[in-house]
Amino acid sequence: KRVKEILPDTEAVWIETYGRVVKTGEPELMENYSRELDRYYDVLAFCPRSGYFATLIRDVSEQVKSKRALIHSEKRFRQLFEMSPISLLEEDYSALRDYIDQRQQGGVKNFIDYFEQNPQELERCASMVNIVDVNEAAIKLFEAQQKEQMLGDLGQLFDQQALEHYARIINFIASGRTSWSIETSNVTFSGRCIDVIINYSLFDKEEAIAVVSVSDITPV
């Protein structure tokens, strides 16, 4: 029987692909949706001998649906991130995580004690966290001219008090905590000191990406 007799709603792209394989003898790999079966497939079509084609078919419907759901979720997260009235920063802690792992393997158990003995290392750690994105509220809070001014080294927002509190933050991360809150101070790009509450949430543990909210509590 012909394909159209078995699956009358088969899309032309399938038939055209198989015909091309028979005609050229060259294999083709494609991912496509079958409206007739309501499924997504990875298909390898090849020509085993002149005038014939054969296929290896893998159902990838669940993978495609999961990928689309993830893309939708990421778009929604990005919209909420940008539109939030709360100052939000997306920060990459991967370099700091590697540093912590190396020090723990070397025997460091308490990073607060470690930094009291090695204060220069605390300043070094402050530059290891990379700000990869900020929303409009954060740009306004930190009095930056544009987003690009805030991207990069997290240490640019620290004053001495923030640097001292940073030792506690590193200790939190070293202990495996994925969220915390701390009251400290930061410096804006105009040089103004502000009192803030920082809430940290590890958003992607594998990649060490965190979303950090910063609330201004500076007395008026």
Protein backbone atom coordinates (compact mmCIF):
# COMPACT_ATOMS: atom_id res chain seq x y z
CA LYS A 1 0.00 0.00 0.00
CA ARG A 2 0.98 3.61 -0.49
CA VAL A 3 1.73 5.87 2.44
CA LYS A 4 -1.32 8.04 1.75
CA GLU A 5 -3.55 4.98 1.90
CA ILE A 6 -2.35 4.11 5.39
CA LEU A 7 -1.83 7.65 6.70
CA PRO A 8 -3.91 9.94 4.46
CA ASP A 9 -2.89 13.14 6.29
CA THR A 10 0.86 12.52 6.00
CA GLU A 11 2.59 15.83 5.32
CA ALA A 12 4.29 16.35 1.97
CA VAL A 13 7.68 16.99 3.62
CA TRP A 14 7.98 13.31 4.60
CA ILE A 15 7.21 12.02 1.12
CA GLU A 16 9.46 14.63 -0.51
CA THR A 17 12.36 13.68 1.76
CA TYR A 18 12.01 9.95 1.12
CA GLY A 19 11.73 10.57 -2.63
CA ARG A 20 14.90 12.66 -2.57
CA VAL A 21 16.77 9.90 -0.70
CA VAL A 22 15.70 7.33 -3.31
CA LYS A 23 16.64 9.66 -6.16
CA THR A 24 20.07 10.78 -4.85
CA GLY A 25 21.04 7.77 -2.78
CA GLU A 26 22.18 10.20 -0.05
CA PRO A 27 20.91 9.71 3.54
CA GLU A 28 19.03 12.52 5.28
CA LEU A 29 18.43 13.22 8.98
CA MET A 30 15.49 15.34 10.05
CA GLU A 31 13.34 16.18 13.03
CA ASN A 32 9.73 16.81 12.18
CA TYR A 33 6.20 16.78 13.50
CA SER A 34 3.63 14.27 12.30
CA ARG A 35 0.19 15.87 12.43
CA GLU A 36 -1.38 12.50 11.65
CA LEU A 37 0.17 10.89 14.75
CA ASP A 38 0.56 14.06 16.84
CA ARG A 39 4.18 13.15 17.61
CA TYR A 40 7.68 14.52 16.95
CA TYR A 41 10.25 12.23 15.38
CA ASP A 42 13.95 12.10 14.61
CA VAL A 43 14.18 10.27 11.30
CA LEU A 44 17.22 8.93 9.46
CA ALA A 45 16.23 8.03 5.91
CA PHE A 46 18.68 6.13 3.73
CA CYS A 47 18.78 4.15 0.51
CA PRO A 48 19.71 0.47 1.10
CA ARG A 49 19.54 -0.27 -2.62
CA SER A 50 18.45 1.40 -5.83
CA GLY A 51 14.79 2.36 -5.88
CA TYR A 52 14.25 1.76 -2.15
CA PHE A 53 14.45 3.73 1.07
CA ALA A 54 14.54 2.69 4.71
CA THR A 55 14.16 4.68 7.89
CA LEU A 56 15.33 4.65 11.48
CA ILE A 57 12.75 6.51 13.54
CA ARG A 58 13.01 7.77 17.12
CA ASP A 59 10.08 9.33 18.96
CA VAL A 60 11.37 12.57 20.54
CA SER A 61 8.00 14.05 21.47
CA GLU A 62 8.69 14.28 25.20
CA GLN A 63 12.12 15.85 24.67
CA VAL A 64 10.68 18.46 22.29
CA LYS A 65 7.83 19.29 24.68
CA SER A 66 10.23 19.57 27.61
CA LYS A 67 12.54 21.85 25.63
CA ARG A 68 9.66 24.10 24.62
CA ALA A 69 8.37 24.24 28.20
CA LEU A 70 11.87 25.21 29.38
CA ILE A 71 12.12 27.97 26.77
CA HIS A 72 8.70 29.28 27.82
CA SER A 73 9.73 29.16 31.48
CA GLU A 74 12.98 31.02 30.77
CA LYS A 75 11.13 33.73 28.82
CA ARG A 76 8.65 34.14 31.67
CA PHE A 77 11.46 34.32 34.24
CA ARG A 78 13.25 36.94 32.13
CA GLN A 79 10.08 39.06 31.88
CA LEU A 80 9.48 38.88 35.64
CA PHE A 81 13.16 39.67 36.27
CA GLU A 82 13.12 42.77 34.08
CA MET A 83 9.75 44.08 35.27
CA SER A 84 10.24 43.53 39.00
CA PRO A 85 10.14 46.72 41.12
CA ILE A 86 12.72 45.06 43.39
CA SER A 87 16.40 45.39 42.50
CA LEU A 88 17.56 42.06 41.08
CA LEU A 89 21.04 40.92 40.07
CA GLU A 90 21.97 37.68 38.35
CA GLU A 91 25.41 36.60 39.56
CA ASP A 92 27.85 33.92 38.48
CA TYR A 93 29.53 32.27 41.48
CA SER A 94 31.34 29.51 39.56
CA ALA A 95 34.86 30.93 40.06
CA LEU A 96 34.19 31.47 43.77
CA ARG A 97 32.74 27.95 44.07
CA ASP A 98 35.93 26.51 42.57
CA TYR A 99 38.01 28.60 44.98
CA ILE A 100 35.98 27.34 47.95
CA ASP A 101 36.31 23.73 46.79
CA GLN A 102 40.08 24.08 46.50
CA ARG A 103 40.42 25.62 49.95
CA GLN A 104 38.20 22.97 51.54
CA GLN A 105 40.30 20.24 49.94
CA GLY A 106 43.29 22.00 51.47
CA GLY A 107 41.76 21.72 54.93
CA VAL A 108 39.88 25.01 55.43
CA LYS A 109 36.75 24.39 57.52
CA ASN A 110 35.72 27.88 58.65
CA PHE A 111 36.15 30.67 56.14
CA ILE A 112 35.50 33.45 58.64
CA ASP A 113 38.58 32.32 60.59
CA TYR A 114 40.48 31.78 57.35
CA PHE A 115 39.87 35.34 56.14
CA GLU A 116 40.80 36.84 59.51
CA GLN A 117 44.21 35.24 59.02
CA ASN A 118 44.31 35.98 55.26
CA PRO A 119 42.46 39.31 54.71
CA GLN A 120 43.96 39.79 51.25
CA GLU A 121 42.18 36.63 50.12
CA LEU A 122 38.79 38.12 50.99
CA GLU A 123 39.36 41.03 48.60
CA ARG A 124 40.42 38.54 45.96
CA CYS A 125 37.21 36.58 46.45
CA ALA A 126 35.09 39.70 46.04
CA SER A 127 36.31 39.99 42.45
CA MET A 128 35.50 36.34 41.67
CA VAL A 129 31.73 36.84 41.52
CA ASN A 130 30.58 38.14 38.17
CA ILE A 131 27.37 40.15 37.72
CA VAL A 132 25.90 38.89 34.44
CA ASP A 133 22.58 40.76 34.41
CA VAL A 134 20.61 43.37 36.35
CA ASN A 135 17.13 44.79 36.03
CA GLU A 136 16.06 48.41 35.73
CA ALA A 137 15.34 48.70 39.45
CA ALA A 138 18.93 47.71 40.25
CA ILE A 139 20.33 50.23 37.77
CA LYS A 140 18.27 52.94 39.48
CA LEU A 141 19.20 51.84 43.02
CA PHE A 142 22.93 51.76 42.32
CA GLU A 143 22.76 55.00 40.33
CA ALA A 144 24.42 53.52 37.26
CA GLN A 145 24.26 55.29 33.93
CA GLN A 146 23.45 52.07 32.08
CA LYS A 147 23.27 48.32 32.61
CA GLU A 148 26.77 47.66 31.22
CA GLN A 149 28.28 49.77 33.99
CA MET A 150 27.08 47.25 36.58
CA LEU A 151 28.11 44.08 34.78
CA GLY A 152 31.31 42.35 35.85
CA ASP A 153 33.09 42.44 39.21
CA LEU A 154 30.70 42.31 42.20
CA GLY A 155 33.37 43.90 44.37
CA GLN A 156 32.74 47.28 42.76
CA LEU A 157 29.59 47.56 44.93
CA PHE A 158 31.39 46.83 48.22
CA ASP A 159 32.49 49.17 50.95
CA GLN A 160 34.52 47.95 53.93
CA GLN A 161 31.47 46.79 55.86
CA ALA A 162 30.19 44.81 52.88
CA LEU A 163 33.60 43.21 52.45
CA GLU A 164 33.62 42.12 56.10
CA HIS A 165 30.12 40.64 55.74
CA TYR A 166 31.24 38.88 52.59
CA ALA A 167 33.21 36.40 54.70
CA ARG A 168 29.90 35.23 56.20
CA ILE A 169 28.41 34.89 52.74
CA ILE A 170 31.30 32.70 51.62
CA ASN A 171 30.85 30.61 54.73
CA PHE A 172 27.16 30.14 53.82
CA ILE A 173 28.09 28.98 50.34
CA ALA A 174 30.81 26.67 51.65
CA SER A 175 28.31 25.02 54.01
CA GLY A 176 26.05 24.16 51.06
CA ARG A 177 23.29 26.66 51.76
CA THR A 178 21.36 27.68 48.65
CA SER A 179 19.63 30.73 50.13
CA TRP A 180 20.33 33.32 52.77
CA SER A 181 19.58 36.89 53.81
CA ILE A 182 21.96 39.47 55.24
CA GLU A 183 21.85 43.14 56.22
CA THR A 184 24.88 45.09 55.08
CA SER A 185 25.89 48.19 53.11
CA ASN A 186 26.81 48.83 49.48
CA VAL A 187 28.22 51.71 47.47
CA THR A 188 26.41 53.24 44.50
CA PHE A 189 28.20 54.43 41.37
CA SER A 190 27.83 58.00 42.56
CA GLY A 191 29.82 57.04 45.69
CA ARG A 192 26.84 57.11 48.05
CA CYS A 193 26.70 54.47 50.82
CA ILE A 194 23.36 52.70 51.19
CA ASP A 195 22.08 50.26 53.81
CA VAL A 196 20.62 47.18 52.18
CA ILE A 197 19.08 43.79 52.85
CA ILE A 198 20.41 41.20 50.40
CA ASN A 199 18.49 37.99 49.70
CA TYR A 200 20.41 35.31 47.85
CA SER A 201 18.89 32.32 46.08
CA LEU A 202 20.92 29.77 44.11
CA PHE A 203 18.94 29.50 40.91
CA ASP A 204 21.18 27.02 39.04
CA LYS A 205 23.29 24.91 41.41
CA GLU A 206 25.21 23.13 38.66
CA GLU A 207 26.27 26.36 36.95
CA ALA A 208 26.50 28.29 40.27
CA ILE A 209 24.15 31.05 39.07
CA ALA A 210 22.29 33.01 41.74
CA VAL A 211 19.51 35.58 41.70
CA VAL A 212 20.09 38.25 44.33
CA SER A 213 17.56 40.84 45.47
CA VAL A 214 18.72 44.06 47.07
CA SER A 215 16.35 46.19 49.17
CA ASP A 216 17.33 49.72 50.19
CA ILE A 217 16.74 50.32 53.92
CA THR A 218 18.80 53.51 54.18
CA PRO A 219 17.16 55.90 56.69
CA VAL A 220 15.56 58.88 54.97
